[in-house]
Amino acid sequence: MVTAASPHGCALRRGRFSEPNRIYVVTSVTHARVPIFAELEIGRILVNALRHQQELGRASTLAYVVMPDHFHWLVQLAAQVTLSSVVHSVKSYTAHRINHAHDTVRRKVWQPGFHDHALRREEDLLAAARYIVANPLRAGLVENIREYPLWDTVWLSP
């Protein structure tokens, strides 16, 4: 079903192919762009979900930032998994945990679908990571990235 809030959200991955070991930039947005991740503890639920994918050996996180109503994730897929299954796992886990934390039942947390960009070999990974973690600066949430708690990258230290 297509909604006004996400006119093409359901179709974002239709016909797309996930390549094992490929690096992707993934972006996903909360339902109705509600800024649920402005609450630090809720944002940490998402961070833990991203880290858990790495612990399971499904994906390696190269960089991420959790914004109040969305996240950006620079991630390398492992072999034998699809990008859709990894993102679905993150979104499913976080929705369950967020609903539990807010004592709600089946409240929509995420818009359907997600946006991704498969990085080409010649693209600069460090530049992509810097762009991702600089989101809070561009959004005016902080003046120095060290002030923002919900980001990480394998190349930069907080």
N, C-alpha and C. Protein backbone atom coordinates (compact mmCIF):
# COMPACT_ATOMS: atom_id res chain seq x y z
N MET A 1 0.84 -1.17 0.00
CA MET A 1 0.00 0.00 0.00
C MET A 1 0.89 1.24 0.00
N VAL A 2 0.57 2.19 -0.81
CA VAL A 2 1.32 3.43 -0.90
C VAL A 2 0.63 4.46 -0.02
N THR A 3 1.42 5.15 0.80
CA THR A 3 0.86 6.18 1.67
C THR A 3 1.45 7.53 1.30
N ALA A 4 0.81 8.59 1.76
CA ALA A 4 1.31 9.94 1.48
C ALA A 4 2.66 10.18 2.12
N ALA A 5 2.90 9.57 3.29
CA ALA A 5 4.16 9.78 4.01
C ALA A 5 5.33 9.11 3.29
N SER A 6 5.06 8.03 2.59
CA SER A 6 6.13 7.32 1.88
C SER A 6 5.59 6.81 0.55
N PRO A 7 5.47 7.69 -0.46
CA PRO A 7 4.82 7.31 -1.70
C PRO A 7 5.48 6.15 -2.43
N HIS A 8 6.76 5.95 -2.23
CA HIS A 8 7.44 4.86 -2.94
C HIS A 8 8.23 3.97 -2.00
N GLY A 9 8.03 4.10 -0.70
CA GLY A 9 8.80 3.35 0.29
C GLY A 9 8.77 1.86 0.09
N CYS A 10 7.62 1.32 -0.24
CA CYS A 10 7.49 -0.13 -0.40
C CYS A 10 8.27 -0.64 -1.61
N ALA A 11 8.48 0.22 -2.59
CA ALA A 11 9.10 -0.22 -3.83
C ALA A 11 10.59 0.07 -3.90
N LEU A 12 11.16 0.60 -2.84
CA LEU A 12 12.56 1.03 -2.91
C LEU A 12 13.52 -0.10 -3.26
N ARG A 13 13.28 -1.31 -2.80
CA ARG A 13 14.20 -2.41 -3.07
C ARG A 13 13.72 -3.33 -4.18
N ARG A 14 12.55 -3.09 -4.73
CA ARG A 14 11.99 -3.98 -5.74
C ARG A 14 12.94 -4.09 -6.93
N GLY A 15 13.28 -5.32 -7.30
CA GLY A 15 14.14 -5.56 -8.44
C GLY A 15 15.62 -5.30 -8.18
N ARG A 16 16.01 -5.06 -6.95
CA ARG A 16 17.40 -4.76 -6.63
C ARG A 16 18.12 -6.05 -6.24
N PHE A 17 19.40 -6.06 -6.45
CA PHE A 17 20.24 -7.21 -6.15
C PHE A 17 21.23 -6.85 -5.07
N SER A 18 21.39 -7.72 -4.07
CA SER A 18 22.38 -7.51 -3.02
C SER A 18 23.61 -8.34 -3.35
N GLU A 19 24.74 -7.69 -3.37
CA GLU A 19 25.98 -8.37 -3.70
C GLU A 19 26.78 -8.65 -2.43
N PRO A 20 27.12 -9.91 -2.16
CA PRO A 20 27.92 -10.23 -0.98
C PRO A 20 29.23 -9.44 -0.98
N ASN A 21 29.64 -9.00 0.19
CA ASN A 21 30.87 -8.24 0.41
C ASN A 21 30.84 -6.82 -0.16
N ARG A 22 29.74 -6.41 -0.75
CA ARG A 22 29.59 -5.06 -1.28
C ARG A 22 29.38 -4.09 -0.12
N ILE A 23 29.84 -2.87 -0.30
CA ILE A 23 29.64 -1.82 0.70
C ILE A 23 28.48 -0.94 0.24
N TYR A 24 27.57 -0.68 1.18
CA TYR A 24 26.37 0.11 0.90
C TYR A 24 26.25 1.25 1.90
N VAL A 25 25.63 2.33 1.45
CA VAL A 25 25.14 3.37 2.35
C VAL A 25 23.64 3.15 2.42
N VAL A 26 23.15 2.91 3.64
CA VAL A 26 21.73 2.64 3.87
C VAL A 26 21.14 3.79 4.67
N THR A 27 19.95 4.21 4.27
CA THR A 27 19.21 5.22 5.01
C THR A 27 17.80 4.71 5.24
N SER A 28 17.32 4.82 6.47
CA SER A 28 15.94 4.46 6.77
C SER A 28 15.35 5.51 7.70
N VAL A 29 14.06 5.74 7.53
CA VAL A 29 13.37 6.85 8.19
C VAL A 29 12.27 6.30 9.10
N THR A 30 12.06 6.97 10.22
CA THR A 30 11.01 6.57 11.15
C THR A 30 9.63 6.87 10.56
N HIS A 31 8.64 6.13 11.04
CA HIS A 31 7.25 6.33 10.61
C HIS A 31 6.83 7.76 10.90
N ALA A 32 6.30 8.42 9.88
CA ALA A 32 5.83 9.80 9.98
C ALA A 32 6.94 10.76 10.44
N ARG A 33 8.17 10.33 10.29
CA ARG A 33 9.36 11.11 10.68
C ARG A 33 9.31 11.57 12.13
N VAL A 34 8.74 10.74 12.98
CA VAL A 34 8.69 11.03 14.42
C VAL A 34 10.13 10.95 14.95
N PRO A 35 10.61 11.96 15.67
CA PRO A 35 12.00 11.99 16.13
C PRO A 35 12.24 11.13 17.38
N ILE A 36 11.95 9.85 17.27
CA ILE A 36 12.06 8.96 18.43
C ILE A 36 13.50 8.78 18.91
N PHE A 37 14.46 8.95 18.01
CA PHE A 37 15.85 8.76 18.41
C PHE A 37 16.46 9.99 19.06
N ALA A 38 15.66 11.03 19.24
CA ALA A 38 16.12 12.18 20.01
C ALA A 38 16.30 11.78 21.47
N GLU A 39 15.61 10.72 21.88
CA GLU A 39 15.77 10.15 23.22
C GLU A 39 16.98 9.21 23.16
N LEU A 40 18.03 9.54 23.89
CA LEU A 40 19.30 8.83 23.80
C LEU A 40 19.16 7.32 24.00
N GLU A 41 18.41 6.90 24.99
CA GLU A 41 18.28 5.46 25.24
C GLU A 41 17.62 4.74 24.08
N ILE A 42 16.70 5.39 23.41
CA ILE A 42 16.05 4.79 22.24
C ILE A 42 17.05 4.72 21.08
N GLY A 43 17.84 5.77 20.92
CA GLY A 43 18.89 5.76 19.90
C GLY A 43 19.89 4.64 20.12
N ARG A 44 20.18 4.36 21.37
CA ARG A 44 21.13 3.27 21.68
C ARG A 44 20.57 1.90 21.31
N ILE A 45 19.26 1.76 21.32
CA ILE A 45 18.65 0.50 20.87
C ILE A 45 19.03 0.26 19.41
N LEU A 46 18.94 1.30 18.59
CA LEU A 46 19.32 1.17 17.18
C LEU A 46 20.81 0.89 17.03
N VAL A 47 21.64 1.60 17.78
CA VAL A 47 23.09 1.36 17.72
C VAL A 47 23.39 -0.09 18.06
N ASN A 48 22.76 -0.62 19.09
CA ASN A 48 22.99 -2.02 19.48
C ASN A 48 22.54 -2.98 18.39
N ALA A 49 21.46 -2.64 17.69
CA ALA A 49 20.99 -3.50 16.60
C ALA A 49 22.01 -3.52 15.45
N LEU A 50 22.59 -2.38 15.14
CA LEU A 50 23.62 -2.34 14.10
C LEU A 50 24.84 -3.16 14.51
N ARG A 51 25.25 -3.01 15.75
CA ARG A 51 26.40 -3.77 16.26
C ARG A 51 26.12 -5.27 16.29
N HIS A 52 24.88 -5.62 16.59
CA HIS A 52 24.51 -7.04 16.66
C HIS A 52 24.66 -7.71 15.29
N GLN A 53 24.37 -7.00 14.22
CA GLN A 53 24.54 -7.58 12.89
C GLN A 53 26.01 -7.94 12.65
N GLN A 54 26.90 -7.13 13.18
CA GLN A 54 28.33 -7.43 13.05
C GLN A 54 28.70 -8.63 13.92
N GLU A 55 28.18 -8.67 15.13
CA GLU A 55 28.45 -9.81 16.02
C GLU A 55 27.98 -11.12 15.41
N LEU A 56 26.89 -11.08 14.67
CA LEU A 56 26.36 -12.28 14.01
C LEU A 56 27.13 -12.64 12.75
N GLY A 57 28.02 -11.74 12.32
CA GLY A 57 28.79 -11.99 11.10
C GLY A 57 28.00 -11.74 9.84
N ARG A 58 26.92 -10.99 9.93
CA ARG A 58 26.07 -10.71 8.78
C ARG A 58 26.51 -9.45 8.03
N ALA A 59 27.11 -8.51 8.74
CA ALA A 59 27.50 -7.24 8.13
C ALA A 59 28.56 -6.58 9.00
N SER A 60 29.42 -5.80 8.36
CA SER A 60 30.44 -5.04 9.08
C SER A 60 30.10 -3.56 9.00
N THR A 61 29.98 -2.94 10.14
CA THR A 61 29.68 -1.52 10.19
C THR A 61 30.97 -0.73 10.00
N LEU A 62 30.96 0.15 9.01
CA LEU A 62 32.10 1.02 8.76
C LEU A 62 31.86 2.42 9.33
N ALA A 63 30.60 2.84 9.35
CA ALA A 63 30.23 4.13 9.93
C ALA A 63 28.71 4.17 10.08
N TYR A 64 28.24 4.96 11.04
CA TYR A 64 26.80 5.19 11.17
C TYR A 64 26.58 6.50 11.91
N VAL A 65 25.38 7.03 11.73
CA VAL A 65 24.89 8.12 12.56
C VAL A 65 23.40 7.89 12.73
N VAL A 66 22.94 8.06 13.95
CA VAL A 66 21.51 7.97 14.26
C VAL A 66 21.01 9.39 14.48
N MET A 67 20.18 9.85 13.58
CA MET A 67 19.58 11.17 13.67
C MET A 67 18.25 11.03 14.40
N PRO A 68 17.62 12.14 14.79
CA PRO A 68 16.37 12.01 15.54
C PRO A 68 15.27 11.19 14.84
N ASP A 69 15.20 11.27 13.49
CA ASP A 69 14.12 10.57 12.80
C ASP A 69 14.59 9.65 11.67
N HIS A 70 15.88 9.35 11.62
CA HIS A 70 16.40 8.43 10.61
C HIS A 70 17.83 8.03 10.96
N PHE A 71 18.36 7.10 10.18
CA PHE A 71 19.77 6.74 10.37
C PHE A 71 20.43 6.55 9.01
N HIS A 72 21.75 6.72 9.02
CA HIS A 72 22.60 6.44 7.86
C HIS A 72 23.62 5.41 8.32
N TRP A 73 23.88 4.43 7.48
CA TRP A 73 24.74 3.31 7.87
C TRP A 73 25.62 2.93 6.69
N LEU A 74 26.92 3.03 6.86
CA LEU A 74 27.89 2.56 5.87
C LEU A 74 28.25 1.15 6.29
N VAL A 75 27.84 0.18 5.49
CA VAL A 75 27.90 -1.21 5.92
C VAL A 75 28.40 -2.10 4.79
N GLN A 76 29.20 -3.08 5.15
CA GLN A 76 29.66 -4.07 4.18
C GLN A 76 28.95 -5.39 4.48
N LEU A 77 28.25 -5.91 3.48
CA LEU A 77 27.55 -7.17 3.66
C LEU A 77 28.53 -8.32 3.76
N ALA A 78 28.16 -9.31 4.53
CA ALA A 78 28.91 -10.56 4.57
C ALA A 78 28.41 -11.45 3.43
N ALA A 79 29.08 -12.55 3.24
CA ALA A 79 28.63 -13.51 2.24
C ALA A 79 27.33 -14.17 2.71
N GLN A 80 26.52 -14.59 1.78
CA GLN A 80 25.31 -15.38 2.06
C GLN A 80 24.18 -14.61 2.74
N VAL A 81 24.21 -13.29 2.75
CA VAL A 81 23.09 -12.51 3.29
C VAL A 81 22.70 -11.45 2.27
N THR A 82 21.47 -11.01 2.34
CA THR A 82 21.02 -9.92 1.48
C THR A 82 20.92 -8.64 2.30
N LEU A 83 21.04 -7.54 1.62
CA LEU A 83 20.91 -6.26 2.29
C LEU A 83 19.51 -6.14 2.90
N SER A 84 18.51 -6.57 2.16
CA SER A 84 17.14 -6.50 2.68
C SER A 84 16.98 -7.28 3.98
N SER A 85 17.58 -8.46 4.07
CA SER A 85 17.43 -9.25 5.29
C SER A 85 18.14 -8.61 6.47
N VAL A 86 19.28 -8.00 6.23
CA VAL A 86 20.02 -7.33 7.30
C VAL A 86 19.24 -6.11 7.80
N VAL A 87 18.77 -5.29 6.88
CA VAL A 87 18.03 -4.09 7.28
C VAL A 87 16.70 -4.48 7.93
N HIS A 88 16.04 -5.50 7.39
CA HIS A 88 14.79 -5.97 8.00
C HIS A 88 15.04 -6.42 9.44
N SER A 89 16.12 -7.13 9.67
CA SER A 89 16.46 -7.59 11.01
C SER A 89 16.67 -6.42 11.96
N VAL A 90 17.40 -5.40 11.51
CA VAL A 90 17.65 -4.21 12.34
C VAL A 90 16.33 -3.52 12.66
N LYS A 91 15.51 -3.31 11.65
CA LYS A 91 14.26 -2.59 11.85
C LYS A 91 13.28 -3.39 12.71
N SER A 92 13.21 -4.68 12.51
CA SER A 92 12.31 -5.53 13.30
C SER A 92 12.72 -5.53 14.76
N TYR A 93 14.00 -5.74 15.02
CA TYR A 93 14.52 -5.76 16.39
C TYR A 93 14.27 -4.42 17.09
N THR A 94 14.59 -3.33 16.40
CA THR A 94 14.44 -2.02 17.04
C THR A 94 12.97 -1.70 17.29
N ALA A 95 12.10 -2.04 16.36
CA ALA A 95 10.67 -1.78 16.57
C ALA A 95 10.16 -2.52 17.80
N HIS A 96 10.56 -3.77 17.92
CA HIS A 96 10.13 -4.56 19.08
C HIS A 96 10.65 -3.94 20.38
N ARG A 97 11.94 -3.61 20.42
CA ARG A 97 12.56 -3.07 21.64
C ARG A 97 12.01 -1.67 21.97
N ILE A 98 11.79 -0.85 20.95
CA ILE A 98 11.26 0.49 21.19
C ILE A 98 9.83 0.41 21.72
N ASN A 99 9.02 -0.45 21.13
CA ASN A 99 7.66 -0.63 21.63
C ASN A 99 7.68 -1.13 23.07
N HIS A 100 8.59 -2.04 23.37
CA HIS A 100 8.71 -2.54 24.75
C HIS A 100 9.13 -1.41 25.69
N ALA A 101 10.09 -0.60 25.28
CA ALA A 101 10.58 0.50 26.12
C ALA A 101 9.49 1.54 26.37
N HIS A 102 8.62 1.75 25.39
CA HIS A 102 7.55 2.74 25.54
C HIS A 102 6.24 2.11 25.99
N ASP A 103 6.28 0.82 26.28
CA ASP A 103 5.09 0.09 26.74
C ASP A 103 3.93 0.24 25.76
N THR A 104 4.25 0.11 24.46
CA THR A 104 3.23 0.15 23.43
C THR A 104 3.23 -1.19 22.71
N VAL A 105 2.16 -1.45 22.01
CA VAL A 105 2.04 -2.71 21.27
C VAL A 105 1.89 -2.39 19.78
N ARG A 106 2.82 -2.88 19.01
CA ARG A 106 2.77 -2.77 17.55
C ARG A 106 2.63 -1.35 17.03
N ARG A 107 3.16 -0.39 17.73
CA ARG A 107 3.20 0.98 17.21
C ARG A 107 4.18 1.00 16.05
N LYS A 108 3.83 1.63 14.96
CA LYS A 108 4.74 1.70 13.82
C LYS A 108 5.95 2.54 14.20
N VAL A 109 7.11 2.01 13.96
CA VAL A 109 8.36 2.72 14.24
C VAL A 109 9.00 3.20 12.95
N TRP A 110 8.96 2.37 11.90
CA TRP A 110 9.68 2.65 10.67
C TRP A 110 8.75 2.86 9.48
N GLN A 111 9.16 3.71 8.56
CA GLN A 111 8.50 3.77 7.25
C GLN A 111 8.89 2.49 6.51
N PRO A 112 8.03 2.01 5.63
CA PRO A 112 8.40 0.83 4.85
C PRO A 112 9.59 1.14 3.94
N GLY A 113 10.36 0.11 3.66
CA GLY A 113 11.47 0.25 2.74
C GLY A 113 12.66 0.99 3.33
N PHE A 114 13.64 1.20 2.50
CA PHE A 114 14.85 1.95 2.87
C PHE A 114 15.54 2.35 1.59
N HIS A 115 16.41 3.31 1.69
CA HIS A 115 17.19 3.74 0.54
C HIS A 115 18.60 3.19 0.68
N ASP A 116 19.17 2.76 -0.43
CA ASP A 116 20.56 2.30 -0.38
C ASP A 116 21.31 2.77 -1.61
N HIS A 117 22.61 2.86 -1.43
CA HIS A 117 23.51 3.19 -2.53
C HIS A 117 24.70 2.24 -2.42
N ALA A 118 24.90 1.43 -3.44
CA ALA A 118 26.06 0.54 -3.47
C ALA A 118 27.27 1.35 -3.91
N LEU A 119 28.29 1.37 -3.09
CA LEU A 119 29.49 2.13 -3.43
C LEU A 119 30.29 1.40 -4.49
N ARG A 120 30.77 2.16 -5.43
CA ARG A 120 31.65 1.61 -6.46
C ARG A 120 33.07 1.55 -5.89
N ARG A 121 33.89 0.73 -6.45
CA ARG A 121 35.25 0.56 -5.94
C ARG A 121 36.04 1.87 -5.90
N GLU A 122 35.78 2.75 -6.86
CA GLU A 122 36.55 3.99 -6.91
C GLU A 122 36.05 5.06 -5.95
N GLU A 123 34.90 4.84 -5.32
CA GLU A 123 34.39 5.83 -4.38
C GLU A 123 35.22 5.81 -3.10
N ASP A 124 35.40 6.97 -2.54
CA ASP A 124 36.23 7.16 -1.36
C ASP A 124 35.43 6.80 -0.10
N LEU A 125 35.79 5.69 0.53
CA LEU A 125 35.07 5.22 1.72
C LEU A 125 35.22 6.20 2.88
N LEU A 126 36.40 6.75 3.06
CA LEU A 126 36.62 7.70 4.15
C LEU A 126 35.76 8.95 3.95
N ALA A 127 35.64 9.42 2.74
CA ALA A 127 34.79 10.58 2.46
C ALA A 127 33.33 10.24 2.73
N ALA A 128 32.90 9.05 2.38
CA ALA A 128 31.52 8.62 2.65
C ALA A 128 31.27 8.56 4.16
N ALA A 129 32.23 8.02 4.91
CA ALA A 129 32.09 7.95 6.37
C ALA A 129 32.02 9.35 6.97
N ARG A 130 32.88 10.24 6.52
CA ARG A 130 32.88 11.61 7.04
C ARG A 130 31.56 12.31 6.74
N TYR A 131 31.05 12.09 5.54
CA TYR A 131 29.77 12.70 5.17
C TYR A 131 28.65 12.19 6.09
N ILE A 132 28.65 10.90 6.35
CA ILE A 132 27.62 10.30 7.20
C ILE A 132 27.69 10.87 8.61
N VAL A 133 28.85 10.84 9.22
CA VAL A 133 28.94 11.28 10.62
C VAL A 133 28.80 12.80 10.77
N ALA A 134 28.92 13.55 9.69
CA ALA A 134 28.76 15.00 9.77
C ALA A 134 27.29 15.43 9.70
N ASN A 135 26.37 14.50 9.56
CA ASN A 135 24.96 14.85 9.48
C ASN A 135 24.47 15.71 10.64
N PRO A 136 24.82 15.41 11.89
CA PRO A 136 24.35 16.27 13.00
C PRO A 136 24.87 17.70 12.89
N LEU A 137 26.06 17.88 12.32
CA LEU A 137 26.60 19.23 12.12
C LEU A 137 25.78 19.97 11.07
N ARG A 138 25.52 19.33 9.94
CA ARG A 138 24.76 19.97 8.87
C ARG A 138 23.33 20.26 9.31
N ALA A 139 22.79 19.42 10.19
CA ALA A 139 21.41 19.63 10.67
C ALA A 139 21.35 20.67 11.78
N GLY A 140 22.50 21.13 12.25
CA GLY A 140 22.53 22.15 13.30
C GLY A 140 22.24 21.60 14.69
N LEU A 141 22.38 20.28 14.86
CA LEU A 141 22.11 19.68 16.17
C LEU A 141 23.26 19.92 17.15
N VAL A 142 24.47 20.02 16.64
CA VAL A 142 25.65 20.28 17.45
C VAL A 142 26.62 21.14 16.65
N GLU A 143 27.56 21.74 17.36
CA GLU A 143 28.59 22.53 16.68
C GLU A 143 29.87 21.73 16.48
N ASN A 144 30.02 20.65 17.24
CA ASN A 144 31.19 19.79 17.14
C ASN A 144 30.68 18.36 17.22
N ILE A 145 31.14 17.51 16.31
CA ILE A 145 30.64 16.14 16.27
C ILE A 145 30.90 15.40 17.58
N ARG A 146 31.92 15.79 18.32
CA ARG A 146 32.20 15.14 19.61
C ARG A 146 31.07 15.34 20.62
N GLU A 147 30.21 16.33 20.36
CA GLU A 147 29.07 16.60 21.25
C GLU A 147 27.89 15.66 20.97
N TYR A 148 27.91 14.97 19.84
CA TYR A 148 26.78 14.14 19.43
C TYR A 148 27.08 12.69 19.80
N PRO A 149 26.18 12.02 20.53
CA PRO A 149 26.50 10.70 21.07
C PRO A 149 26.23 9.50 20.15
N LEU A 150 25.47 9.68 19.08
CA LEU A 150 25.00 8.51 18.33
C LEU A 150 25.65 8.39 16.96
N TRP A 151 26.96 8.23 16.95
CA TRP A 151 27.69 8.02 15.71
C TRP A 151 28.95 7.22 16.00
N ASP A 152 29.49 6.64 14.96
CA ASP A 152 30.77 5.95 15.08
C ASP A 152 31.27 5.65 13.67
N THR A 153 32.56 5.44 13.56
CA THR A 153 33.18 5.02 12.32
C THR A 153 34.47 4.31 12.66
N VAL A 154 34.88 3.42 11.78
CA VAL A 154 36.12 2.68 12.02
C VAL A 154 37.34 3.56 11.77
N TRP A 155 37.17 4.72 11.12
CA TRP A 155 38.30 5.58 10.77
C TRP A 155 38.53 6.75 11.71
N LEU A 156 37.49 7.19 12.37
CA LEU A 156 37.60 8.38 13.21
C LEU A 156 37.31 8.03 14.65
N SER A 157 37.91 8.75 15.56
CA SER A 157 37.58 8.51 16.97
C SER A 157 36.78 9.71 17.48
N PRO A 158 35.86 9.47 18.42
CA PRO A 158 35.03 10.56 18.92
C PRO A 158 35.82 11.59 19.70
